[in-house]
């Protein structure tokens, strides 16, 4: 028994082209999302460093104020 040859319709050609375009878009989106994740991690680490510096400056200011008030009331 011979198999029937199925003709490739215009719809299937357009569908495969659409799938190819969508796959390219998805890979671009995934790549962009991965880059954004790296950027967010960098920003978080920078913010943590900034908070640490601010806490250190406040601590030093407290020490300077304590020493200054000690010598003022002496």
Protein backbone atom coordinates (compact mmCIF):
# COMPACT_ATOMS: atom_id res chain seq x y z
CA UNK A 1 0.00 0.00 0.00
CA UNK A 2 1.43 3.37 -1.01
CA UNK A 3 1.51 6.22 1.39
CA UNK A 4 -0.27 9.36 0.47
CA UNK A 5 1.96 12.35 -0.07
CA UNK A 6 0.91 15.26 2.03
CA UNK A 7 1.35 18.58 0.40
CA UNK A 8 2.85 21.34 2.48
CA UNK A 9 0.24 23.99 2.78
CA UNK A 10 0.88 27.69 2.97
CA UNK A 11 -0.48 27.67 6.50
CA UNK A 12 2.14 25.23 7.74
CA UNK A 13 4.90 27.26 6.10
CA UNK A 14 3.65 30.43 7.75
CA UNK A 15 3.30 28.62 11.06
CA UNK A 16 6.87 27.33 10.97
CA UNK A 17 8.12 30.82 10.11
CA UNK A 18 6.10 32.20 13.02
CA UNK A 19 7.53 29.57 15.38
CA UNK A 20 11.05 30.44 14.27
CA UNK A 21 10.46 34.16 14.89
CA UNK A 22 8.90 33.45 18.30
CA UNK A 23 11.81 31.22 19.29
CA UNK A 24 14.24 34.00 18.41
CA UNK A 25 12.23 36.51 20.43
CA UNK A 26 12.09 34.19 23.42
CA UNK A 27 15.84 33.61 23.36
CA UNK A 28 16.36 37.39 23.23
CA UNK A 29 13.99 37.89 26.17
CA UNK A 30 15.69 35.19 28.22
CA UNK A 31 19.10 36.71 27.54
CA UNK A 32 17.85 40.17 28.52
CA UNK A 33 16.28 38.85 31.74
CA UNK A 34 19.54 37.14 32.69
CA UNK A 35 21.43 40.40 32.15
CA UNK A 36 18.90 42.26 34.30
CA UNK A 37 19.35 39.72 37.09
CA UNK A 38 23.09 40.35 37.08
CA UNK A 39 22.50 44.11 37.16
CA UNK A 40 20.09 43.80 40.09
CA UNK A 41 22.62 41.71 42.04
CA UNK A 42 25.28 44.36 41.42
CA UNK A 43 22.94 47.13 42.56
CA UNK A 44 22.07 45.21 45.72
CA UNK A 45 25.72 44.77 46.62
CA UNK A 46 26.38 48.46 45.97
CA UNK A 47 23.45 49.44 48.18
CA UNK A 48 24.71 47.18 50.97
CA UNK A 49 28.13 48.81 50.77
CA UNK A 50 26.52 52.26 50.86
CA UNK A 51 24.47 51.36 53.93
CA UNK A 52 27.61 50.12 55.67
CA UNK A 53 29.44 53.35 54.92
CA UNK A 54 26.53 55.43 56.22
CA UNK A 55 26.34 53.38 59.44
CA UNK A 56 30.10 53.80 59.91
CA UNK A 57 29.87 57.58 59.45
CA UNK A 58 27.02 57.78 61.97
CA UNK A 59 29.06 55.69 64.42
CA UNK A 60 32.07 57.99 64.03
CA UNK A 61 29.85 61.03 64.51
CA UNK A 62 28.54 59.53 67.74
CA UNK A 63 32.06 58.95 69.00
CA UNK A 64 33.14 62.50 68.10
CA UNK A 65 30.04 63.91 69.82
CA UNK A 66 30.66 61.83 72.94
CA UNK A 67 34.31 62.88 73.15
CA UNK A 68 33.40 66.53 72.51
CA UNK A 69 30.73 66.55 75.20
CA UNK A 70 33.11 64.85 77.62
CA UNK A 71 35.72 67.60 77.22
CA UNK A 72 33.11 70.37 77.23
CA UNK A 73 31.62 69.42 80.62
CA UNK A 74 34.93 68.62 82.24
